[in-house]
Amino acid sequence: MILRAATLAFALLVPSFGLSQTAKAPGALLRGLDKVSGAHEDLNLRAGETALLGKLQITLGECRYPTDNPSGDAFAWLVIRDGNSEVTSFEGWMVASSPALNGFDHQRYDVWVLRCITE
């Protein structure tokens, strides 16, 4: 229910972010933070790839960006699993300029999108 509401809210806000004309990028740059140690790590993922952040498995579905501003606001579809579990901890779109809009809530780790990678 919450995921459905967040997806609906995202769909309604897309035009206000100026993302009605978007292009698909081959990858994305994400940042992960271990809130206990304070260490952060940048993750350079291509669409379909999975990276590890501690015990999290982070998979990038796709990354999109405004066609008139490639370095502008990115949004990425992410699937995050905790450990080897097949149950997802997060699945949905994350917006670079508004990570709290549909954020990943975990007791130890934080993950957000920095930008799309455009060759």
Protein backbone atom coordinates (compact mmCIF):
# COMPACT_ATOMS: atom_id res chain seq x y z
CA MET A 1 0.00 0.00 0.00
CA ILE A 2 2.77 2.45 0.93
CA LEU A 3 4.78 1.56 -2.19
CA ARG A 4 1.70 2.08 -4.35
CA ALA A 5 1.08 5.49 -2.77
CA ALA A 6 4.73 6.50 -3.24
CA THR A 7 4.68 5.40 -6.88
CA LEU A 8 1.49 7.38 -7.48
CA ALA A 9 2.99 10.45 -5.78
CA PHE A 10 6.10 10.12 -7.94
CA ALA A 11 4.03 9.85 -11.13
CA LEU A 12 2.14 12.99 -10.17
CA LEU A 13 5.32 14.92 -9.36
CA VAL A 14 7.28 13.97 -12.51
CA PRO A 15 5.92 16.90 -14.57
CA SER A 16 6.76 19.35 -11.76
CA PHE A 17 10.38 18.19 -11.84
CA GLY A 18 10.49 18.92 -15.56
CA LEU A 19 11.08 15.26 -16.37
CA SER A 20 8.33 14.80 -18.93
CA GLN A 21 10.98 14.52 -21.70
CA THR A 22 13.51 12.02 -20.42
CA ALA A 23 16.19 9.73 -21.78
CA LYS A 24 17.37 6.42 -20.46
CA ALA A 25 20.99 6.27 -19.32
CA PRO A 26 23.13 3.12 -19.36
CA GLY A 27 23.96 3.46 -15.67
CA ALA A 28 23.83 5.45 -12.46
CA LEU A 29 26.09 6.69 -9.71
CA LEU A 30 24.73 5.90 -6.24
CA ARG A 31 26.10 6.73 -2.82
CA GLY A 32 25.85 4.39 0.13
CA LEU A 33 26.43 5.35 3.76
CA ASP A 34 27.11 3.08 6.71
CA LYS A 35 25.45 5.09 9.49
CA VAL A 36 27.32 3.20 12.22
CA SER A 37 30.89 3.71 10.98
CA GLY A 38 30.25 6.90 8.99
CA ALA A 39 31.97 5.39 5.93
CA HIS A 40 30.50 6.13 2.52
CA GLU A 41 30.97 4.41 -0.81
CA ASP A 42 30.09 5.47 -4.35
CA LEU A 43 28.57 2.72 -6.47
CA ASN A 44 28.85 2.94 -10.25
CA LEU A 45 26.20 0.57 -11.63
CA ARG A 46 25.04 -0.26 -15.12
CA ALA A 47 21.39 -1.19 -15.71
CA GLY A 48 20.79 -4.72 -14.47
CA GLU A 49 23.92 -4.85 -12.31
CA THR A 50 23.97 -5.60 -8.59
CA ALA A 51 26.46 -4.17 -6.09
CA LEU A 52 27.05 -4.92 -2.44
CA LEU A 53 27.05 -2.33 0.33
CA GLY A 54 27.80 -4.19 3.52
CA LYS A 55 25.17 -6.92 3.47
CA LEU A 56 22.81 -5.03 1.14
CA GLN A 57 22.35 -6.13 -2.47
CA ILE A 58 21.52 -3.09 -4.62
CA THR A 59 20.27 -3.66 -8.18
CA LEU A 60 19.79 -0.85 -10.70
CA GLY A 61 16.81 -1.33 -13.01
CA GLU A 62 17.24 1.87 -15.01
CA CYS A 63 18.23 5.52 -14.70
CA ARG A 64 16.50 8.42 -16.48
CA TYR A 65 17.40 12.10 -16.84
CA PRO A 66 15.95 15.23 -18.51
CA THR A 67 16.90 15.34 -22.20
CA ASP A 68 17.44 19.10 -22.13
CA ASN A 69 19.81 18.83 -19.12
CA PRO A 70 21.81 15.57 -19.00
CA SER A 71 23.61 16.61 -15.82
CA GLY A 72 20.28 17.56 -14.24
CA ASP A 73 17.97 15.69 -11.96
CA ALA A 74 18.22 11.91 -12.27
CA PHE A 75 15.79 9.29 -11.12
CA ALA A 76 16.57 5.60 -10.84
CA TRP A 77 14.61 2.39 -10.31
CA LEU A 78 16.31 0.41 -7.53
CA VAL A 79 15.72 -2.95 -5.90
CA ILE A 80 17.45 -3.39 -2.53
CA ARG A 81 17.61 -6.68 -0.62
CA ASP A 82 18.96 -7.12 2.90
CA GLY A 83 21.42 -10.02 3.05
CA ASN A 84 20.68 -13.14 1.04
CA SER A 85 16.94 -12.71 1.52
CA GLU A 86 14.71 -12.84 -1.54
CA VAL A 87 12.41 -10.36 0.20
CA THR A 88 13.01 -6.80 -0.98
CA SER A 89 13.67 -4.04 1.54
CA PHE A 90 13.09 -1.37 -1.12
CA GLU A 91 11.79 -1.37 -4.68
CA GLY A 92 10.94 1.81 -6.53
CA TRP A 93 12.09 5.10 -8.04
CA MET A 94 14.54 7.35 -6.21
CA VAL A 95 14.93 10.98 -7.27
CA ALA A 96 18.41 12.51 -6.94
CA SER A 97 17.22 15.96 -5.88
CA SER A 98 14.62 14.59 -3.42
CA PRO A 99 15.91 11.35 -1.88
CA ALA A 100 13.36 11.55 0.95
CA LEU A 101 10.45 11.56 -1.51
CA ASN A 102 10.68 7.77 -1.78
CA GLY A 103 13.61 6.93 0.46
CA PHE A 104 15.20 3.71 1.59
CA ASP A 105 14.61 3.19 5.32
CA HIS A 106 17.20 0.94 6.97
CA GLN A 107 18.59 0.93 10.49
CA ARG A 108 22.24 0.81 9.38
CA TYR A 109 22.56 1.88 5.73
CA ASP A 110 21.42 4.80 3.63
CA VAL A 111 21.41 4.76 -0.20
CA TRP A 112 20.63 7.57 -2.63
CA VAL A 113 21.05 8.46 -6.30
CA LEU A 114 23.66 11.07 -7.27
CA ARG A 115 23.28 11.11 -11.07
CA CYS A 116 22.85 9.08 -14.22
CA ILE A 117 25.95 8.03 -16.12
CA THR A 118 25.75 9.01 -19.77
CA GLU A 119 28.79 7.49 -21.55
